[in-house]
PDB file of all heavy atoms in Angstrom:
ATOM      1  N   ILE A   1     215.168 188.418 -30.484  1.00  0.00           N
ATOM      2  CA  ILE A   1     214.529 189.041 -29.262  1.00  0.00           C
ATOM      3  C   ILE A   1     213.082 189.268 -29.637  1.00  0.00           C
ATOM      4  O   ILE A   1     212.759 190.018 -30.510  1.00  0.00           O
ATOM      5  CB  ILE A   1     215.320 190.354 -28.937  1.00  0.00           C
ATOM      6  CG1 ILE A   1     216.689 190.091 -28.573  1.00  0.00           C
ATOM      7  CG2 ILE A   1     214.523 190.999 -27.729  1.00  0.00           C
ATOM      8  CD1 ILE A   1     217.515 191.325 -28.270  1.00  0.00           C
ATOM      9  N   PRO A   2     212.206 188.745 -28.839  1.00  0.00           N
ATOM     10  CA  PRO A   2     210.643 188.853 -29.207  1.00  0.00           C
ATOM     11  C   PRO A   2     210.319 190.328 -28.966  1.00  0.00           C
ATOM     12  O   PRO A   2     210.773 190.949 -28.069  1.00  0.00           O
ATOM     13  CB  PRO A   2     210.013 187.908 -28.142  1.00  0.00           C
ATOM     14  CG  PRO A   2     211.036 187.771 -27.093  1.00  0.00           C
ATOM     15  CD  PRO A   2     212.412 187.819 -27.684  1.00  0.00           C
ATOM     16  N   ASN A   3     209.397 190.784 -29.858  1.00  0.00           N
ATOM     17  CA  ASN A   3     208.780 192.074 -29.611  1.00  0.00           C
ATOM     18  C   ASN A   3     208.004 191.995 -28.356  1.00  0.00           C
ATOM     19  O   ASN A   3     207.307 191.001 -27.926  1.00  0.00           O
ATOM     20  CB  ASN A   3     207.771 192.368 -30.783  1.00  0.00           C
ATOM     21  CG  ASN A   3     208.535 192.680 -32.127  1.00  0.00           C
ATOM     22  OD1 ASN A   3     209.614 193.402 -32.088  1.00  0.00           O
ATOM     23  ND2 ASN A   3     208.080 192.133 -33.203  1.00  0.00           N
ATOM     24  N   LEU A   4     208.052 193.065 -27.592  1.00  0.00           N
ATOM     25  CA  LEU A   4     207.302 193.146 -26.344  1.00  0.00           C
ATOM     26  C   LEU A   4     205.842 193.081 -26.596  1.00  0.00           C
ATOM     27  O   LEU A   4     205.271 193.922 -27.310  1.00  0.00           O
ATOM     28  CB  LEU A   4     207.710 194.436 -25.600  1.00  0.00           C
ATOM     29  CG  LEU A   4     207.644 194.438 -24.088  1.00  0.00           C
ATOM     30  CD1 LEU A   4     208.449 193.367 -23.440  1.00  0.00           C
ATOM     31  CD2 LEU A   4     207.919 195.773 -23.497  1.00  0.00           C
ATOM     32  N   SER A   5     205.152 192.084 -25.986  1.00  0.00           N
ATOM     33  CA  SER A   5     203.729 191.887 -26.216  1.00  0.00           C
ATOM     34  C   SER A   5     202.963 193.053 -25.452  1.00  0.00           C
ATOM     35  O   SER A   5     203.361 193.359 -24.339  1.00  0.00           O
ATOM     36  CB  SER A   5     203.290 190.618 -25.669  1.00  0.00           C
ATOM     37  OG  SER A   5     201.783 190.515 -25.690  1.00  0.00           O
ATOM     38  N   LYS A   6     202.064 193.667 -26.108  1.00  0.00           N
ATOM     39  CA  LYS A   6     201.339 194.776 -25.478  1.00  0.00           C
ATOM     40  C   LYS A   6     199.888 194.348 -25.155  1.00  0.00           C
ATOM     41  O   LYS A   6     199.070 195.215 -24.828  1.00  0.00           O
ATOM     42  CB  LYS A   6     201.315 196.011 -26.494  1.00  0.00           C
ATOM     43  CG  LYS A   6     202.703 196.545 -26.807  1.00  0.00           C
ATOM     44  CD  LYS A   6     203.327 197.103 -25.555  1.00  0.00           C
ATOM     45  CE  LYS A   6     204.709 197.665 -25.902  1.00  0.00           C
ATOM     46  NZ  LYS A   6     204.702 198.847 -26.739  1.00  0.00           N
ATOM     47  N   LYS A   7     199.549 193.086 -25.289  1.00  0.00           N
ATOM     48  CA  LYS A   7     198.170 192.556 -25.143  1.00  0.00           C
ATOM     49  C   LYS A   7     197.633 192.856 -23.686  1.00  0.00           C
ATOM     50  O   LYS A   7     196.398 193.006 -23.555  1.00  0.00           O
ATOM     51  CB  LYS A   7     198.050 191.085 -25.472  1.00  0.00           C
ATOM     52  CG  LYS A   7     198.752 190.165 -24.477  1.00  0.00           C
ATOM     53  CD  LYS A   7     198.578 188.742 -25.025  1.00  0.00           C
ATOM     54  CE  LYS A   7     199.282 187.793 -24.003  1.00  0.00           C
ATOM     55  NZ  LYS A   7     199.080 186.281 -24.499  1.00  0.00           N
ATOM     56  N   LEU A   8     198.511 192.916 -22.716  1.00  0.00           N
ATOM     57  CA  LEU A   8     198.056 193.142 -21.316  1.00  0.00           C
ATOM     58  C   LEU A   8     198.207 194.602 -20.935  1.00  0.00           C
ATOM     59  O   LEU A   8     198.127 194.955 -19.799  1.00  0.00           O
ATOM     60  CB  LEU A   8     198.771 192.240 -20.367  1.00  0.00           C
ATOM     61  CG  LEU A   8     198.439 190.771 -20.350  1.00  0.00           C
ATOM     62  CD1 LEU A   8     199.208 190.084 -19.323  1.00  0.00           C
ATOM     63  CD2 LEU A   8     196.872 190.639 -20.144  1.00  0.00           C
ATOM     64  N   GLN A   9     198.629 195.536 -21.843  1.00  0.00           N
ATOM     65  CA  GLN A   9     198.966 196.891 -21.437  1.00  0.00           C
ATOM     66  C   GLN A   9     197.808 197.515 -20.798  1.00  0.00           C
ATOM     67  O   GLN A   9     197.973 198.130 -19.698  1.00  0.00           O
ATOM     68  CB  GLN A   9     199.452 197.675 -22.674  1.00  0.00           C
ATOM     69  CG  GLN A   9     199.827 199.033 -22.336  1.00  0.00           C
ATOM     70  CD  GLN A   9     200.696 199.720 -23.353  1.00  0.00           C
ATOM     71  OE1 GLN A   9     201.273 199.119 -24.220  1.00  0.00           O
ATOM     72  NE2 GLN A   9     200.883 201.058 -23.223  1.00  0.00           N
ATOM     73  N   ASN A  10     196.646 197.437 -21.330  1.00  0.00           N
ATOM     74  CA  ASN A  10     195.449 198.090 -20.849  1.00  0.00           C
ATOM     75  C   ASN A  10     195.035 197.580 -19.513  1.00  0.00           C
ATOM     76  O   ASN A  10     194.725 198.213 -18.588  1.00  0.00           O
ATOM     77  CB  ASN A  10     194.249 198.084 -21.783  1.00  0.00           C
ATOM     78  CG  ASN A  10     194.497 198.931 -23.008  1.00  0.00           C
ATOM     79  OD1 ASN A  10     195.350 199.888 -23.019  1.00  0.00           O
ATOM     80  ND2 ASN A  10     193.775 198.657 -24.105  1.00  0.00           N
ATOM     81  N   THR A  11     195.162 196.262 -19.346  1.00  0.00           N
ATOM     82  CA  THR A  11     194.820 195.506 -18.076  1.00  0.00           C
ATOM     83  C   THR A  11     195.844 196.009 -16.954  1.00  0.00           C
ATOM     84  O   THR A  11     195.377 196.344 -15.874  1.00  0.00           O
ATOM     85  CB  THR A  11     194.959 194.010 -18.232  1.00  0.00           C
ATOM     86  OG1 THR A  11     193.969 193.642 -19.215  1.00  0.00           O
ATOM     87  CG2 THR A  11     194.612 193.259 -16.955  1.00  0.00           C
ATOM     88  N   ILE A  12     197.075 195.987 -17.280  1.00  0.00           N
ATOM     89  CA  ILE A  12     198.041 196.387 -16.226  1.00  0.00           C
ATOM     90  C   ILE A  12     197.866 197.903 -15.876  1.00  0.00           C
ATOM     91  O   ILE A  12     197.902 198.267 -14.722  1.00  0.00           O
ATOM     92  CB  ILE A  12     199.487 196.130 -16.724  1.00  0.00           C
ATOM     93  CG1 ILE A  12     199.752 194.668 -16.950  1.00  0.00           C
ATOM     94  CG2 ILE A  12     200.550 196.535 -15.630  1.00  0.00           C
ATOM     95  CD1 ILE A  12     201.003 194.280 -17.639  1.00  0.00           C
ATOM     96  N   GLN A  13     197.710 198.654 -16.826  1.00  0.00           N
ATOM     97  CA  GLN A  13     197.574 200.149 -16.648  1.00  0.00           C
ATOM     98  C   GLN A  13     196.301 200.391 -15.779  1.00  0.00           C
ATOM     99  O   GLN A  13     196.344 201.223 -14.868  1.00  0.00           O
ATOM    100  CB  GLN A  13     197.479 200.882 -17.958  1.00  0.00           C
ATOM    101  CG  GLN A  13     197.487 202.385 -17.778  1.00  0.00           C
ATOM    102  CD  GLN A  13     198.827 202.857 -17.169  1.00  0.00           C
ATOM    103  OE1 GLN A  13     199.834 202.555 -17.782  1.00  0.00           O
ATOM    104  NE2 GLN A  13     198.791 203.523 -16.070  1.00  0.00           N
ATOM    105  N   GLU A  14     195.188 199.641 -16.050  1.00  0.00           N
ATOM    106  CA  GLU A  14     194.054 199.767 -15.175  1.00  0.00           C
ATOM    107  C   GLU A  14     194.290 199.342 -13.732  1.00  0.00           C
ATOM    108  O   GLU A  14     193.869 200.012 -12.813  1.00  0.00           O
ATOM    109  CB  GLU A  14     192.828 198.989 -15.734  1.00  0.00           C
ATOM    110  CG  GLU A  14     192.258 199.618 -16.973  1.00  0.00           C
ATOM    111  CD  GLU A  14     191.112 198.721 -17.532  1.00  0.00           C
ATOM    112  OE1 GLU A  14     190.765 197.707 -16.876  1.00  0.00           O
ATOM    113  OE2 GLU A  14     190.546 199.220 -18.533  1.00  0.00           O
ATOM    114  N   GLU A  15     195.051 198.251 -13.557  1.00  0.00           N
ATOM    115  CA  GLU A  15     195.449 197.866 -12.210  1.00  0.00           C
ATOM    116  C   GLU A  15     196.214 199.005 -11.534  1.00  0.00           C
ATOM    117  O   GLU A  15     196.021 199.312 -10.330  1.00  0.00           O
ATOM    118  CB  GLU A  15     196.331 196.648 -12.268  1.00  0.00           C
ATOM    119  CG  GLU A  15     195.591 195.319 -12.555  1.00  0.00           C
ATOM    120  CD  GLU A  15     194.861 194.835 -11.411  1.00  0.00           C
ATOM    121  OE1 GLU A  15     195.347 195.052 -10.234  1.00  0.00           O
ATOM    122  OE2 GLU A  15     193.841 194.083 -11.506  1.00  0.00           O
ATOM    123  N   ILE A  16     197.102 199.659 -12.237  1.00  0.00           N
ATOM    124  CA  ILE A  16     197.935 200.764 -11.657  1.00  0.00           C
ATOM    125  C   ILE A  16     197.034 201.848 -11.308  1.00  0.00           C
ATOM    126  O   ILE A  16     197.072 202.453 -10.324  1.00  0.00           O
ATOM    127  CB  ILE A  16     199.125 201.138 -12.623  1.00  0.00           C
ATOM    128  CG1 ILE A  16     200.087 200.028 -12.803  1.00  0.00           C
ATOM    129  CG2 ILE A  16     199.612 202.419 -12.239  1.00  0.00           C
ATOM    130  CD1 ILE A  16     201.068 200.255 -13.875  1.00  0.00           C
ATOM    131  N   ASP A  17     196.184 202.287 -12.284  1.00  0.00           N
ATOM    132  CA  ASP A  17     195.328 203.456 -12.096  1.00  0.00           C
ATOM    133  C   ASP A  17     194.302 203.330 -11.026  1.00  0.00           C
ATOM    134  O   ASP A  17     193.874 204.301 -10.414  1.00  0.00           O
ATOM    135  CB  ASP A  17     194.623 203.766 -13.400  1.00  0.00           C
ATOM    136  CG  ASP A  17     195.573 204.322 -14.502  1.00  0.00           C
ATOM    137  OD1 ASP A  17     196.644 204.657 -14.078  1.00  0.00           O
ATOM    138  OD2 ASP A  17     195.129 204.235 -15.632  1.00  0.00           O
ATOM    139  N   TYR A  18     193.802 202.144 -10.745  1.00  0.00           N
ATOM    140  CA  TYR A  18     192.758 201.961  -9.691  1.00  0.00           C
ATOM    141  C   TYR A  18     193.270 201.654  -8.282  1.00  0.00           C
ATOM    142  O   TYR A  18     192.551 201.363  -7.403  1.00  0.00           O
ATOM    143  CB  TYR A  18     191.880 200.752 -10.111  1.00  0.00           C
ATOM    144  CG  TYR A  18     191.028 201.110 -11.331  1.00  0.00           C
ATOM    145  CD1 TYR A  18     190.585 200.108 -12.160  1.00  0.00           C
ATOM    146  CD2 TYR A  18     190.564 202.395 -11.634  1.00  0.00           C
ATOM    147  CE1 TYR A  18     189.799 200.424 -13.339  1.00  0.00           C
ATOM    148  CE2 TYR A  18     189.844 202.706 -12.702  1.00  0.00           C
ATOM    149  CZ  TYR A  18     189.504 201.678 -13.604  1.00  0.00           C
ATOM    150  OH  TYR A  18     188.675 201.993 -14.653  1.00  0.00           O
ATOM    151  N   LYS A  19     194.601 201.747  -8.169  1.00  0.00           N
ATOM    152  CA  LYS A  19     195.139 201.693  -6.795  1.00  0.00           C
ATOM    153  C   LYS A  19     194.698 202.902  -5.999  1.00  0.00           C
ATOM    154  O   LYS A  19     194.336 203.922  -6.581  1.00  0.00           O
ATOM    155  CB  LYS A  19     196.752 201.556  -6.850  1.00  0.00           C
ATOM    156  CG  LYS A  19     197.311 200.393  -7.532  1.00  0.00           C
ATOM    157  CD  LYS A  19     196.921 199.062  -6.869  1.00  0.00           C
ATOM    158  CE  LYS A  19     197.597 197.922  -7.590  1.00  0.00           C
ATOM    159  NZ  LYS A  19     197.115 196.617  -7.003  1.00  0.00           N
ATOM    160  N   THR A  20     194.751 202.797  -4.681  1.00  0.00           N
ATOM    161  CA  THR A  20     194.248 203.856  -3.853  1.00  0.00           C
ATOM    162  C   THR A  20     195.229 205.072  -3.800  1.00  0.00           C
ATOM    163  O   THR A  20     196.026 205.317  -2.868  1.00  0.00           O
ATOM    164  CB  THR A  20     194.056 203.405  -2.395  1.00  0.00           C
ATOM    165  OG1 THR A  20     195.197 202.720  -2.004  1.00  0.00           O
ATOM    166  CG2 THR A  20     192.857 202.462  -2.271  1.00  0.00           C
ATOM    167  N   LYS A  21     195.235 205.865  -4.912  1.00  0.00           N
ATOM    168  CA  LYS A  21     196.041 206.995  -5.149  1.00  0.00           C
ATOM    169  C   LYS A  21     195.523 207.781  -6.344  1.00  0.00           C
ATOM    170  O   LYS A  21     194.716 207.181  -7.110  1.00  0.00           O
ATOM    171  CB  LYS A  21     197.497 206.565  -5.474  1.00  0.00           C
ATOM    172  CG  LYS A  21     197.550 205.745  -6.660  1.00  0.00           C
ATOM    173  CD  LYS A  21     198.977 205.310  -7.152  1.00  0.00           C
ATOM    174  CE  LYS A  21     198.881 204.507  -8.382  1.00  0.00           C
ATOM    175  NZ  LYS A  21     198.237 205.172  -9.545  1.00  0.00           N
ATOM    176  N   PRO A  22     195.872 209.018  -6.453  1.00  0.00           N
ATOM    177  CA  PRO A  22     195.524 209.803  -7.747  1.00  0.00           C
ATOM    178  C   PRO A  22     196.227 209.088  -8.809  1.00  0.00           C
ATOM    179  O   PRO A  22     197.337 208.501  -8.737  1.00  0.00           O
ATOM    180  CB  PRO A  22     196.063 211.151  -7.393  1.00  0.00           C
ATOM    181  CG  PRO A  22     196.109 211.234  -5.981  1.00  0.00           C
ATOM    182  CD  PRO A  22     196.452 209.881  -5.472  1.00  0.00           C
ATOM    183  N   ILE A  23     195.678 209.109 -10.037  1.00  0.00           N
ATOM    184  CA  ILE A  23     196.312 208.568 -11.223  1.00  0.00           C
ATOM    185  C   ILE A  23     197.664 209.255 -11.463  1.00  0.00           C
ATOM    186  O   ILE A  23     197.757 210.507 -11.476  1.00  0.00           O
ATOM    187  CB  ILE A  23     195.394 208.734 -12.460  1.00  0.00           C
ATOM    188  CG1 ILE A  23     194.214 207.784 -12.382  1.00  0.00           C
ATOM    189  CG2 ILE A  23     196.142 208.475 -13.778  1.00  0.00           C
ATOM    190  CD1 ILE A  23     193.161 207.877 -13.405  1.00  0.00           C
ATOM    191  N   GLY A  24     198.656 208.477 -11.663  1.00  0.00           N
ATOM    192  CA  GLY A  24     200.045 208.972 -11.927  1.00  0.00           C
ATOM    193  C   GLY A  24     200.825 209.431 -10.730  1.00  0.00           C
ATOM    194  O   GLY A  24     201.912 209.828 -10.802  1.00  0.00           O
ATOM    195  N   ALA A  25     200.189 209.257  -9.487  1.00  0.00           N
ATOM    196  CA  ALA A  25     200.766 209.831  -8.282  1.00  0.00           C
ATOM    197  C   ALA A  25     202.086 209.118  -7.846  1.00  0.00           C
ATOM    198  O   ALA A  25     202.898 209.643  -7.201  1.00  0.00           O
ATOM    199  CB  ALA A  25     199.824 209.802  -7.153  1.00  0.00           C
ATOM    200  N   LEU A  26     202.292 207.851  -8.399  1.00  0.00           N
ATOM    201  CA  LEU A  26     203.544 207.202  -8.077  1.00  0.00           C
ATOM    202  C   LEU A  26     204.642 207.365  -9.145  1.00  0.00           C
ATOM    203  O   LEU A  26     205.693 206.637  -9.159  1.00  0.00           O
ATOM    204  CB  LEU A  26     203.325 205.714  -7.777  1.00  0.00           C
ATOM    205  CG  LEU A  26     202.664 205.432  -6.350  1.00  0.00           C
ATOM    206  CD1 LEU A  26     202.421 203.949  -6.244  1.00  0.00           C
ATOM    207  CD2 LEU A  26     203.556 205.887  -5.262  1.00  0.00           C
ATOM    208  N   GLY A  27     204.343 208.235 -10.056  1.00  0.00           N
ATOM    209  CA  GLY A  27     205.345 208.653 -11.041  1.00  0.00           C
ATOM    210  C   GLY A  27     206.093 207.473 -11.758  1.00  0.00           C
ATOM    211  O   GLY A  27     205.436 206.673 -12.348  1.00  0.00           O
ATOM    212  N   VAL A  28     207.358 207.579 -11.695  1.00  0.00           N
ATOM    213  CA  VAL A  28     208.102 206.596 -12.417  1.00  0.00           C
ATOM    214  C   VAL A  28     207.946 205.192 -11.986  1.00  0.00           C
ATOM    215  O   VAL A  28     208.124 204.251 -12.729  1.00  0.00           O
ATOM    216  CB  VAL A  28     209.712 207.001 -12.329  1.00  0.00           C
ATOM    217  CG1 VAL A  28     210.637 205.965 -12.986  1.00  0.00           C
ATOM    218  CG2 VAL A  28     209.902 208.338 -13.023  1.00  0.00           C
ATOM    219  N   LEU A  29     207.583 204.999 -10.702  1.00  0.00           N
ATOM    220  CA  LEU A  29     207.326 203.678 -10.232  1.00  0.00           C
ATOM    221  C   LEU A  29     206.164 202.977 -11.118  1.00  0.00           C
ATOM    222  O   LEU A  29     206.224 201.801 -11.288  1.00  0.00           O
ATOM    223  CB  LEU A  29     206.899 203.758  -8.758  1.00  0.00           C
ATOM    224  CG  LEU A  29     207.856 204.138  -7.728  1.00  0.00           C
ATOM    225  CD1 LEU A  29     207.267 204.067  -6.341  1.00  0.00           C
ATOM    226  CD2 LEU A  29     209.147 203.278  -7.814  1.00  0.00           C
ATOM    227  N   GLU A  30     205.245 203.764 -11.511  1.00  0.00           N
ATOM    228  CA  GLU A  30     204.155 203.283 -12.354  1.00  0.00           C
ATOM    229  C   GLU A  30     204.692 202.810 -13.758  1.00  0.00           C
ATOM    230  O   GLU A  30     204.263 201.856 -14.321  1.00  0.00           O
ATOM    231  CB  GLU A  30     203.110 204.288 -12.473  1.00  0.00           C
ATOM    232  CG  GLU A  30     202.428 204.702 -11.143  1.00  0.00           C
ATOM    233  CD  GLU A  30     201.203 205.624 -11.312  1.00  0.00           C
ATOM    234  OE1 GLU A  30     200.678 205.704 -12.417  1.00  0.00           O
ATOM    235  OE2 GLU A  30     200.770 206.261 -10.270  1.00  0.00           O
ATOM    236  N   THR A  31     205.604 203.662 -14.227  1.00  0.00           N
ATOM    237  CA  THR A  31     206.128 203.382 -15.568  1.00  0.00           C
ATOM    238  C   THR A  31     206.926 202.023 -15.467  1.00  0.00           C
ATOM    239  O   THR A  31     206.837 201.217 -16.374  1.00  0.00           O
ATOM    240  CB  THR A  31     207.202 204.452 -15.982  1.00  0.00           C
ATOM    241  OG1 THR A  31     206.446 205.686 -16.043  1.00  0.00           O
ATOM    242  CG2 THR A  31     207.747 204.180 -17.350  1.00  0.00           C
ATOM    243  N   ILE A  32     207.705 201.935 -14.467  1.00  0.00           N
ATOM    244  CA  ILE A  32     208.565 200.650 -14.237  1.00  0.00           C
ATOM    245  C   ILE A  32     207.637 199.409 -14.047  1.00  0.00           C
ATOM    246  O   ILE A  32     207.884 198.323 -14.658  1.00  0.00           O
ATOM    247  CB  ILE A  32     209.485 200.744 -13.135  1.00  0.00           C
ATOM    248  CG1 ILE A  32     210.434 201.903 -13.283  1.00  0.00           C
ATOM    249  CG2 ILE A  32     210.257 199.469 -12.850  1.00  0.00           C
ATOM    250  CD1 ILE A  32     211.285 202.224 -12.004  1.00  0.00           C
ATOM    251  N   ALA A  33     206.603 199.573 -13.224  1.00  0.00           N
ATOM    252  CA  ALA A  33     205.653 198.521 -13.017  1.00  0.00           C
ATOM    253  C   ALA A  33     204.982 198.044 -14.259  1.00  0.00           C
ATOM    254  O   ALA A  33     204.965 196.819 -14.567  1.00  0.00           O
ATOM    255  CB  ALA A  33     204.579 198.980 -12.001  1.00  0.00           C
ATOM    256  N   LEU A  34     204.673 198.958 -15.169  1.00  0.00           N
ATOM    257  CA  LEU A  34     204.009 198.615 -16.423  1.00  0.00           C
ATOM    258  C   LEU A  34     205.035 197.833 -17.348  1.00  0.00           C
ATOM    259  O   LEU A  34     204.757 196.907 -17.898  1.00  0.00           O
ATOM    260  CB  LEU A  34     203.536 199.847 -17.161  1.00  0.00           C
ATOM    261  CG  LEU A  34     202.952 199.612 -18.569  1.00  0.00           C
ATOM    262  CD1 LEU A  34     201.753 198.641 -18.547  1.00  0.00           C
ATOM    263  CD2 LEU A  34     202.535 200.927 -19.146  1.00  0.00           C
ATOM    264  N   GLN A  35     206.250 198.426 -17.408  1.00  0.00           N
ATOM    265  CA  GLN A  35     207.298 197.788 -18.218  1.00  0.00           C
ATOM    266  C   GLN A  35     207.574 196.328 -17.806  1.00  0.00           C
ATOM    267  O   GLN A  35     207.658 195.455 -18.613  1.00  0.00           O
ATOM    268  CB  GLN A  35     208.572 198.668 -18.185  1.00  0.00           C
ATOM    269  CG  GLN A  35     209.712 198.042 -18.997  1.00  0.00           C
ATOM    270  CD  GLN A  35     211.010 198.824 -18.964  1.00  0.00           C
ATOM    271  OE1 GLN A  35     211.175 199.808 -18.103  1.00  0.00           O
ATOM    272  NE2 GLN A  35     212.030 198.391 -19.642  1.00  0.00           N
ATOM    273  N   ILE A  36     207.790 196.122 -16.479  1.00  0.00           N
ATOM    274  CA  ILE A  36     208.125 194.734 -16.062  1.00  0.00           C
ATOM    275  C   ILE A  36     206.870 193.889 -16.271  1.00  0.00           C
ATOM    276  O   ILE A  36     207.096 192.729 -16.578  1.00  0.00           O
ATOM    277  CB  ILE A  36     208.545 194.803 -14.545  1.00  0.00           C
ATOM    278  CG1 ILE A  36     209.868 195.629 -14.382  1.00  0.00           C
ATOM    279  CG2 ILE A  36     208.802 193.394 -14.010  1.00  0.00           C
ATOM    280  CD1 ILE A  36     210.394 195.772 -13.016  1.00  0.00           C
ATOM    281  N   GLY A  37     205.708 194.327 -16.033  1.00  0.00           N
ATOM    282  CA  GLY A  37     204.506 193.579 -16.335  1.00  0.00           C
ATOM    283  C   GLY A  37     204.437 193.143 -17.798  1.00  0.00           C
ATOM    284  O   GLY A  37     204.190 192.033 -18.103  1.00  0.00           O
ATOM    285  N   LEU A  38     204.759 194.035 -18.672  1.00  0.00           N
ATOM    286  CA  LEU A  38     204.734 193.740 -20.122  1.00  0.00           C
ATOM    287  C   LEU A  38     205.888 192.722 -20.414  1.00  0.00           C
ATOM    288  O   LEU A  38     205.677 191.838 -21.210  1.00  0.00           O
ATOM    289  CB  LEU A  38     204.911 194.993 -20.956  1.00  0.00           C
ATOM    290  CG  LEU A  38     203.796 195.905 -20.842  1.00  0.00           C
ATOM    291  CD1 LEU A  38     204.049 197.205 -21.703  1.00  0.00           C
ATOM    292  CD2 LEU A  38     202.440 195.253 -21.415  1.00  0.00           C
ATOM    293  N   ILE A  39     207.026 192.889 -19.857  1.00  0.00           N
ATOM    294  CA  ILE A  39     208.219 191.976 -20.090  1.00  0.00           C
ATOM    295  C   ILE A  39     207.807 190.589 -19.707  1.00  0.00           C
ATOM    296  O   ILE A  39     208.018 189.583 -20.403  1.00  0.00           O
ATOM    297  CB  ILE A  39     209.434 192.397 -19.304  1.00  0.00           C
ATOM    298  CG1 ILE A  39     210.013 193.676 -19.948  1.00  0.00           C
ATOM    299  CG2 ILE A  39     210.537 191.274 -19.385  1.00  0.00           C
ATOM    300  CD1 ILE A  39     211.192 194.350 -19.155  1.00  0.00           C
ATOM    301  N   GLN A  40     207.161 190.388 -18.520  1.00  0.00           N
ATOM    302  CA  GLN A  40     206.749 189.153 -17.958  1.00  0.00           C
ATOM    303  C   GLN A  40     205.332 188.639 -18.453  1.00  0.00           C
ATOM    304  O   GLN A  40     204.933 187.588 -18.198  1.00  0.00           O
ATOM    305  CB  GLN A  40     206.817 189.160 -16.462  1.00  0.00           C
ATOM    306  CG  GLN A  40     208.229 189.414 -15.897  1.00  0.00           C
ATOM    307  CD  GLN A  40     208.384 189.367 -14.440  1.00  0.00           C
ATOM    308  OE1 GLN A  40     207.413 188.935 -13.721  1.00  0.00           O
ATOM    309  NE2 GLN A  40     209.471 189.683 -13.899  1.00  0.00           N
ATOM    310  N   ASP A  41     204.699 189.582 -19.196  1.00  0.00           N
ATOM    311  CA  ASP A  41     203.349 189.224 -19.747  1.00  0.00           C
ATOM    312  C   ASP A  41     202.386 188.932 -18.643  1.00  0.00           C
ATOM    313  O   ASP A  41     201.661 187.897 -18.739  1.00  0.00           O
ATOM    314  CB  ASP A  41     203.493 188.198 -20.807  1.00  0.00           C
ATOM    315  CG  ASP A  41     202.370 188.094 -21.795  1.00  0.00           C
ATOM    316  OD1 ASP A  41     201.706 189.191 -21.964  1.00  0.00           O
ATOM    317  OD2 ASP A  41     202.051 187.111 -22.334  1.00  0.00           O
TER     318      ASP A  41
END
């Protein structure tokens, strides 16, 4: 099982943070979005 690549973590997190909402305002949805983004790279 490949280690989960984290090379896009900052990029995906910035995409999430710059959406039209306060940072973290979508709660667990943001966590899932980041996880699936990392899984799919």
